[in-house]
């Protein structure tokens, strides 16, 4: 901590001098190994202005990649007499819970974790959804196309059609349940017009009900724990034991890249839960122009107003959650930089001499 505080003081002194003087030439002359590393480790510019070029982990199903991104950080800790060392992969517990949720049946409320995540991972760079796989085996884009009003209203002779009945009778809550069921592993991507009442199951008993509640809460807690600054700092610190200064930055950045799926999944799941809890009884479940087209003329403008109100509310919720998770990611980068600095072989006396030299040269 003392070392980090001293580095921070150096940074603040240089920043104050930079405001008063043109230090371009001076800094260039003094840009040796120590100062170069301090600037590189503390600026944070790579996290602000660049995305990692290696996106192989992010572009594939994170569950398929879980074994490859596994890091037993405890293996870096020294052996201590009288203690047994844990086999612990810090930062991936929430991701493991998400992968388990993909295979859960609809009646298990933890299945919503996978549904929420697949449907709410937004790619800021490309301005579109990351087309994740839904638990039912469909891509998210394919799932949305299936839930088209024209598809929902199709008739197959006199066969009963639950989706059609719910759409025409504006039974929005029930229609939402059918959409959630169809996204789950239980439906296996069946035709939405073939969904029956008996397909939709509640928890088998009170124990299953309570177990689902606590498992979902545990999964959410793990997401927060995995992405906490202290957890990330500890994981990086352990990996930096007995490394050189040149290796430290790469190790730190690699760990942050491995954590990217954990951040994305945790944020997407929170968005999904918040949107579901914020729903109102008069919300339109399939808010599209195709839906407007089937309404009476005197109902159309009212429905469009409702759709726009829904969009505004959902955008506000998402922006607030995005802001929260942006702060967590910034903190993660700062903590990673701090751990790299702390791991460096820092010559305090030499650093003091450099400060005095710079101060004297501008007087």
Protein backbone atom coordinates (compact mmCIF):
# COMPACT_ATOMS: atom_id res chain seq x y z
CA UNK A 1 0.00 0.00 0.00
CA UNK A 2 2.87 2.36 0.82
CA UNK A 3 4.41 1.69 -2.57
CA UNK A 4 1.15 2.33 -4.39
CA UNK A 5 0.55 5.53 -2.43
CA UNK A 6 4.00 6.76 -3.40
CA UNK A 7 3.33 6.03 -7.07
CA UNK A 8 0.06 7.94 -6.82
CA UNK A 9 1.88 10.92 -5.32
CA UNK A 10 4.35 10.87 -8.21
CA UNK A 11 1.50 10.86 -10.73
CA UNK A 12 -0.22 13.79 -9.00
CA UNK A 13 2.99 15.84 -8.84
CA UNK A 14 3.63 15.33 -12.55
CA UNK A 15 0.01 16.18 -13.38
CA UNK A 16 0.26 19.48 -11.45
CA UNK A 17 3.49 20.43 -13.19
CA UNK A 18 1.97 19.53 -16.58
CA UNK A 19 -0.75 22.13 -16.02
CA UNK A 20 1.77 24.90 -15.43
CA UNK A 21 4.62 24.05 -17.81
CA UNK A 22 5.24 22.51 -21.21
CA UNK A 23 6.86 19.29 -20.03
CA UNK A 24 6.91 17.55 -23.42
CA UNK A 25 10.65 17.88 -23.90
CA UNK A 26 11.48 17.21 -20.27
CA UNK A 27 9.42 14.03 -20.07
CA UNK A 28 10.82 12.76 -23.36
CA UNK A 29 14.34 13.18 -22.00
CA UNK A 30 13.46 11.34 -18.80
CA UNK A 31 11.33 8.60 -20.27
CA UNK A 32 13.46 5.74 -19.01
CA UNK A 33 12.32 2.29 -17.90
CA UNK A 34 10.72 3.34 -14.59
CA UNK A 35 8.79 6.31 -15.92
CA UNK A 36 7.73 4.46 -19.04
CA UNK A 37 6.26 1.66 -16.95
CA UNK A 38 4.49 4.04 -14.55
CA UNK A 39 2.88 5.86 -17.45
CA UNK A 40 1.94 2.62 -19.16
CA UNK A 41 0.44 1.05 -16.04
CA UNK A 42 -1.50 4.04 -14.70
CA UNK A 43 -2.89 5.77 -17.77
CA UNK A 44 -5.69 3.24 -18.40
CA UNK A 45 -5.88 4.43 -21.98
CA UNK A 46 -5.97 0.91 -23.44
CA UNK A 47 -9.20 0.16 -21.58
CA UNK A 48 -10.81 3.42 -22.70
CA UNK A 49 -9.79 3.60 -26.35
CA UNK A 50 -9.29 0.00 -27.49
CA UNK A 51 -10.93 -3.40 -27.50
CA UNK A 52 -8.73 -6.51 -27.34
CA UNK A 53 -7.99 -7.87 -30.82
CA UNK A 54 -8.41 -11.46 -29.60
CA UNK A 55 -12.17 -11.88 -29.22
CA UNK A 56 -12.20 -15.64 -29.66
CA UNK A 57 -13.58 -16.21 -26.15
CA UNK A 58 -16.39 -13.69 -26.63
CA UNK A 59 -17.38 -14.82 -30.11
CA UNK A 60 -18.23 -18.39 -29.07
CA UNK A 61 -20.61 -19.88 -26.54
CA UNK A 62 -18.97 -19.13 -23.17
CA UNK A 63 -20.08 -22.52 -21.85
CA UNK A 64 -18.16 -24.26 -24.63
CA UNK A 65 -15.13 -22.17 -23.71
CA UNK A 66 -15.39 -22.57 -19.93
CA UNK A 67 -12.76 -25.31 -19.67
CA UNK A 68 -10.37 -23.27 -21.80
CA UNK A 69 -10.70 -20.07 -19.77
CA UNK A 70 -10.48 -21.87 -16.43
CA UNK A 71 -7.71 -20.51 -14.21
CA UNK A 72 -6.96 -22.12 -10.86
CA UNK A 73 -5.55 -18.99 -9.23
CA UNK A 74 -4.83 -20.86 -5.99
CA UNK A 75 -2.13 -22.81 -7.82
CA UNK A 76 -0.07 -19.59 -7.76
CA UNK A 77 -0.28 -19.31 -3.95
CA UNK A 78 2.60 -20.75 -1.91
CA UNK A 79 2.20 -23.99 0.05
CA UNK A 80 1.76 -23.42 3.80
CA UNK A 81 2.50 -26.06 6.47
CA UNK A 82 -0.69 -27.29 8.13
CA UNK A 83 -2.98 -26.02 5.35
CA UNK A 84 -4.55 -27.74 2.35
CA UNK A 85 -4.70 -25.50 -0.71
CA UNK A 86 -8.07 -25.02 -2.45
CA UNK A 87 -8.66 -25.66 -6.13
CA UNK A 88 -10.36 -22.37 -6.89
CA UNK A 89 -11.09 -20.63 -10.18
CA UNK A 90 -11.76 -17.10 -8.98
CA UNK A 91 -14.17 -15.14 -11.15
CA UNK A 92 -15.98 -17.98 -12.93
CA UNK A 93 -18.53 -19.19 -10.37
CA UNK A 94 -21.31 -17.06 -11.84
CA UNK A 95 -20.49 -18.22 -15.35
CA UNK A 96 -20.72 -21.85 -14.22
CA UNK A 97 -24.15 -21.16 -12.71
CA UNK A 98 -25.25 -19.60 -16.00
CA UNK A 99 -24.13 -22.66 -17.94
CA UNK A 100 -26.07 -24.95 -15.59
CA UNK A 101 -29.16 -22.76 -16.01
CA UNK A 102 -29.16 -23.36 -19.77
CA UNK A 103 -30.18 -26.96 -19.19
CA UNK A 104 -32.80 -26.31 -16.51
CA UNK A 105 -36.45 -27.07 -17.22
CA UNK A 106 -38.93 -24.19 -17.49
CA UNK A 107 -40.49 -24.88 -14.09
CA UNK A 108 -37.14 -24.13 -12.43
CA UNK A 109 -36.99 -20.34 -12.08
CA UNK A 110 -33.18 -20.39 -12.45
CA UNK A 111 -33.74 -21.16 -16.14
CA UNK A 112 -34.56 -17.46 -16.55
CA UNK A 113 -30.86 -16.68 -16.04
CA UNK A 114 -29.94 -18.18 -19.40
CA UNK A 115 -32.96 -16.64 -21.14
CA UNK A 116 -32.20 -13.17 -19.74
CA UNK A 117 -28.56 -13.37 -20.67
CA UNK A 118 -29.08 -14.54 -24.25
CA UNK A 119 -31.64 -11.83 -24.91
CA UNK A 120 -29.88 -8.84 -23.35
CA UNK A 121 -26.20 -8.90 -24.37
CA UNK A 122 -25.71 -5.72 -26.40
CA UNK A 123 -22.60 -5.07 -28.49
CA UNK A 124 -21.81 -1.36 -28.12
CA UNK A 125 -19.21 -1.43 -30.91
CA UNK A 126 -21.49 -2.93 -33.59
CA UNK A 127 -24.69 -1.43 -32.21
CA UNK A 128 -26.56 -4.73 -32.19
CA UNK A 129 -27.25 -7.79 -30.05
CA UNK A 130 -24.62 -10.47 -29.72
CA UNK A 131 -26.60 -13.29 -31.32
CA UNK A 132 -26.34 -15.76 -28.44
CA UNK A 133 -27.85 -19.23 -28.31
CA UNK A 134 -31.12 -19.52 -26.39
CA UNK A 135 -31.58 -22.54 -24.09
CA UNK A 136 -34.05 -23.98 -26.65
CA UNK A 137 -31.22 -24.25 -29.20
CA UNK A 138 -32.20 -21.26 -31.35
CA UNK A 139 -30.16 -18.15 -31.97
CA UNK A 140 -31.71 -15.09 -30.33
CA UNK A 141 -32.48 -13.55 -33.73
CA UNK A 142 -34.26 -16.75 -34.81
CA UNK A 143 -36.29 -16.81 -31.59
CA UNK A 144 -37.52 -13.24 -32.18
CA UNK A 145 -38.58 -14.01 -35.75
CA UNK A 146 -40.68 -16.96 -34.57
CA UNK A 147 -42.63 -14.67 -32.25
CA UNK A 148 -44.21 -12.71 -35.08
CA UNK A 149 -47.91 -11.87 -34.87
CA UNK A 150 -48.59 -13.34 -38.31
CA UNK A 151 -46.95 -16.60 -37.21
CA UNK A 152 -48.84 -16.57 -33.91
CA UNK A 153 -52.21 -16.14 -35.63
CA UNK A 154 -51.80 -19.02 -38.07
CA UNK A 155 -54.51 -21.66 -37.89
CA UNK A 156 -54.12 -25.36 -38.55
CA UNK A 157 -57.70 -26.40 -39.28
CA UNK A 158 -59.70 -26.66 -36.10
CA UNK A 159 -56.73 -27.54 -33.91
CA UNK A 160 -56.53 -25.47 -30.69
CA UNK A 161 -53.91 -22.72 -30.75
CA UNK A 162 -53.06 -21.33 -27.32
CA UNK A 163 -50.82 -18.55 -28.61
CA UNK A 164 -53.49 -17.33 -31.05
CA UNK A 165 -56.15 -17.30 -28.32
CA UNK A 166 -53.94 -15.29 -25.95
CA UNK A 167 -53.01 -12.74 -28.64
CA UNK A 168 -56.59 -12.14 -29.78
CA UNK A 169 -57.90 -11.88 -26.21
CA UNK A 170 -55.03 -9.67 -24.98
CA UNK A 171 -54.04 -12.10 -22.24
CA UNK A 172 -50.60 -10.50 -22.03
CA UNK A 173 -49.33 -12.16 -18.83
CA UNK A 174 -50.14 -15.63 -20.13
CA UNK A 175 -48.57 -14.83 -23.51
CA UNK A 176 -45.40 -13.76 -21.72
CA UNK A 177 -45.28 -17.10 -19.91
CA UNK A 178 -45.56 -18.95 -23.23
CA UNK A 179 -42.69 -16.91 -24.69
CA UNK A 180 -40.55 -17.69 -21.65
CA UNK A 181 -41.40 -21.38 -21.91
CA UNK A 182 -40.51 -21.43 -25.61
CA UNK A 183 -37.09 -19.89 -24.83
CA UNK A 184 -36.32 -22.58 -22.23
CA UNK A 185 -34.69 -25.96 -22.74
CA UNK A 186 -38.08 -27.59 -22.06
CA UNK A 187 -39.58 -26.53 -25.40
CA UNK A 188 -36.69 -27.77 -27.54
CA UNK A 189 -37.65 -25.08 -30.06
CA UNK A 190 -41.08 -26.59 -30.90
CA UNK A 191 -43.53 -24.71 -33.12
CA UNK A 192 -45.19 -22.03 -30.99
CA UNK A 193 -48.63 -22.99 -32.33
CA UNK A 194 -48.18 -26.46 -30.82
CA UNK A 195 -47.66 -25.27 -27.24
CA UNK A 196 -50.30 -26.68 -24.90
CA UNK A 197 -51.43 -25.79 -21.40
CA UNK A 198 -50.05 -29.08 -20.05
CA UNK A 199 -46.56 -28.15 -21.34
CA UNK A 200 -46.33 -25.30 -18.84
CA UNK A 201 -45.27 -26.54 -15.41
CA UNK A 202 -44.97 -24.91 -11.99
CA UNK A 203 -42.44 -26.12 -9.37
CA UNK A 204 -43.28 -29.70 -8.41
CA UNK A 205 -43.60 -28.92 -4.67
CA UNK A 206 -42.85 -26.26 -2.07
CA UNK A 207 -39.30 -27.51 -1.66
CA UNK A 208 -38.64 -27.06 -5.40
CA UNK A 209 -40.18 -23.59 -5.22
CA UNK A 210 -37.94 -22.46 -2.35
CA UNK A 211 -34.88 -24.15 -3.81
CA UNK A 212 -35.37 -22.31 -7.10
CA UNK A 213 -35.65 -18.96 -5.31
CA UNK A 214 -32.45 -19.46 -3.34
CA UNK A 215 -30.53 -20.87 -6.29
CA UNK A 216 -31.48 -17.87 -8.43
CA UNK A 217 -30.48 -15.50 -5.63
CA UNK A 218 -27.18 -17.38 -5.23
CA UNK A 219 -26.48 -17.12 -8.94
CA UNK A 220 -27.05 -13.35 -8.86
CA UNK A 221 -24.80 -13.02 -5.81
CA UNK A 222 -22.05 -15.00 -7.51
CA UNK A 223 -22.17 -12.65 -10.50
CA UNK A 224 -21.61 -9.68 -8.20
CA UNK A 225 -18.86 -11.45 -6.29
CA UNK A 226 -17.04 -12.60 -9.44
CA UNK A 227 -16.90 -9.06 -10.79
CA UNK A 228 -16.09 -7.29 -7.52
CA UNK A 229 -12.85 -5.23 -7.50
CA UNK A 230 -11.52 -7.15 -4.49
CA UNK A 231 -12.08 -10.51 -6.15
CA UNK A 232 -10.44 -9.40 -9.40
CA UNK A 233 -7.54 -7.81 -7.53
CA UNK A 234 -6.93 -10.96 -5.49
CA UNK A 235 -7.01 -13.19 -8.57
CA UNK A 236 -4.54 -11.00 -10.47
CA UNK A 237 -2.29 -10.56 -7.42
CA UNK A 238 -1.93 -14.33 -7.02
CA UNK A 239 -1.05 -14.75 -10.68
CA UNK A 240 1.62 -12.05 -10.47
CA UNK A 241 3.62 -13.86 -7.80
CA UNK A 242 7.18 -14.52 -9.01
CA UNK A 243 6.65 -12.79 -12.38
CA UNK A 244 8.79 -10.21 -14.12
CA UNK A 245 7.64 -6.64 -14.77
CA UNK A 246 7.33 -7.41 -18.49
CA UNK A 247 5.04 -10.39 -17.83
CA UNK A 248 2.79 -8.63 -15.32
CA UNK A 249 0.85 -6.43 -17.73
CA UNK A 250 0.06 -9.33 -20.09
CA UNK A 251 -1.15 -11.50 -17.20
CA UNK A 252 -3.36 -8.69 -15.92
CA UNK A 253 -4.92 -7.97 -19.32
CA UNK A 254 -5.46 -11.67 -20.02
CA UNK A 255 -7.36 -12.07 -16.76
CA UNK A 256 -9.57 -9.06 -17.55
CA UNK A 257 -10.30 -10.54 -20.98
CA UNK A 258 -11.28 -13.87 -19.39
CA UNK A 259 -13.63 -11.96 -17.09
CA UNK A 260 -15.39 -10.28 -20.02
CA UNK A 261 -18.07 -12.98 -20.31
CA UNK A 262 -18.72 -12.79 -16.57
CA UNK A 263 -19.34 -9.03 -16.83
CA UNK A 264 -21.53 -9.37 -19.93
CA UNK A 265 -23.62 -12.22 -18.52
CA UNK A 266 -24.09 -10.60 -15.12
CA UNK A 267 -25.21 -7.30 -16.64
CA UNK A 268 -27.54 -8.98 -19.14
CA UNK A 269 -29.14 -11.12 -16.44
CA UNK A 270 -29.75 -8.10 -14.21
CA UNK A 271 -31.32 -6.25 -17.15
CA UNK A 272 -33.62 -9.19 -17.89
CA UNK A 273 -34.74 -9.50 -14.28
CA UNK A 274 -35.33 -5.76 -13.92
CA UNK A 275 -37.36 -5.55 -17.14
CA UNK A 276 -39.52 -8.49 -16.09
CA UNK A 277 -40.18 -7.05 -12.63
CA UNK A 278 -41.03 -3.64 -14.11
CA UNK A 279 -43.74 -5.00 -16.42
CA UNK A 280 -47.22 -3.58 -15.99
CA UNK A 281 -50.54 -5.40 -16.53
CA UNK A 282 -51.37 -3.33 -19.63
CA UNK A 283 -47.97 -3.83 -21.31
CA UNK A 284 -48.13 -5.26 -24.83
CA UNK A 285 -46.18 -8.51 -25.01
CA UNK A 286 -45.48 -8.42 -28.77
CA UNK A 287 -45.24 -4.63 -29.35
CA UNK A 288 -44.93 -4.44 -33.15
CA UNK A 289 -46.77 -2.92 -36.11
CA UNK A 290 -48.11 -6.37 -36.99
CA UNK A 291 -49.91 -6.31 -33.66
CA UNK A 292 -51.28 -2.82 -34.36
CA UNK A 293 -52.63 -4.02 -37.70
CA UNK A 294 -55.02 -6.51 -36.05
CA UNK A 295 -56.59 -3.90 -33.76
CA UNK A 296 -59.70 -1.85 -34.40
CA UNK A 297 -59.02 1.63 -35.74
CA UNK A 298 -60.13 3.32 -32.51
CA UNK A 299 -57.58 1.25 -30.53
CA UNK A 300 -54.50 1.68 -32.70
CA UNK A 301 -53.20 5.07 -31.52
CA UNK A 302 -53.72 4.11 -27.89
CA UNK A 303 -51.68 0.92 -28.43
CA UNK A 304 -48.86 2.80 -30.18
CA UNK A 305 -48.73 5.25 -27.27
CA UNK A 306 -48.47 2.27 -24.91
CA UNK A 307 -45.64 0.74 -26.94
CA UNK A 308 -43.64 3.97 -26.88
CA UNK A 309 -44.20 4.31 -23.13
CA UNK A 310 -42.88 0.76 -22.67
CA UNK A 311 -39.78 1.56 -24.74
CA UNK A 312 -39.03 4.69 -22.70
CA UNK A 313 -39.37 2.82 -19.41
CA UNK A 314 -37.21 -0.08 -20.56
CA UNK A 315 -34.54 2.24 -22.01
CA UNK A 316 -34.33 4.07 -18.67
CA UNK A 317 -33.93 0.81 -16.74
CA UNK A 318 -31.24 -0.47 -19.12
CA UNK A 319 -29.28 2.82 -19.08
CA UNK A 320 -29.19 2.82 -15.26
CA UNK A 321 -27.95 -0.78 -15.13
CA UNK A 322 -25.40 -0.08 -17.88
CA UNK A 323 -24.03 2.85 -15.86
CA UNK A 324 -23.67 0.63 -12.79
CA UNK A 325 -21.76 -2.06 -14.69
CA UNK A 326 -19.61 0.47 -16.57
CA UNK A 327 -18.39 1.70 -13.18
CA UNK A 328 -17.60 -1.87 -12.09
CA UNK A 329 -15.57 -2.48 -15.26
CA UNK A 330 -13.65 0.77 -14.78
CA UNK A 331 -12.90 -0.22 -11.18
CA UNK A 332 -11.74 -3.64 -12.41
CA UNK A 333 -9.26 -2.01 -14.80
CA UNK A 334 -7.99 0.35 -12.08
CA UNK A 335 -7.54 -2.53 -9.63
CA UNK A 336 -5.70 -4.53 -12.32
CA UNK A 337 -3.36 -1.57 -12.95
CA UNK A 338 -2.79 -1.23 -9.21
CA UNK A 339 -1.84 -4.89 -8.86
CA UNK A 340 0.63 -4.60 -11.73
CA UNK A 341 2.24 -1.55 -10.11
CA UNK A 342 2.41 -3.26 -6.73
CA UNK A 343 4.14 -6.26 -8.32
CA UNK A 344 6.88 -4.15 -9.90
CA UNK A 345 10.39 -3.94 -8.52
CA UNK A 346 10.23 -0.29 -7.53
CA UNK A 347 13.33 1.67 -6.53
CA UNK A 348 11.98 4.36 -4.22
CA UNK A 349 15.28 6.24 -3.91
CA UNK A 350 15.75 6.39 -7.67
CA UNK A 351 12.18 7.62 -8.09
CA UNK A 352 12.75 10.44 -5.57
CA UNK A 353 15.89 11.49 -7.42
CA UNK A 354 13.95 11.62 -10.70
CA UNK A 355 11.27 13.84 -9.15
CA UNK A 356 13.90 16.21 -7.74
CA UNK A 357 15.62 16.30 -11.12
CA UNK A 358 12.41 17.24 -12.92
CA UNK A 359 11.45 19.84 -10.31
CA UNK A 360 14.88 21.47 -10.45
CA UNK A 361 14.89 21.56 -14.26
CA UNK A 362 11.70 23.67 -14.44
CA UNK A 363 12.58 26.18 -11.74
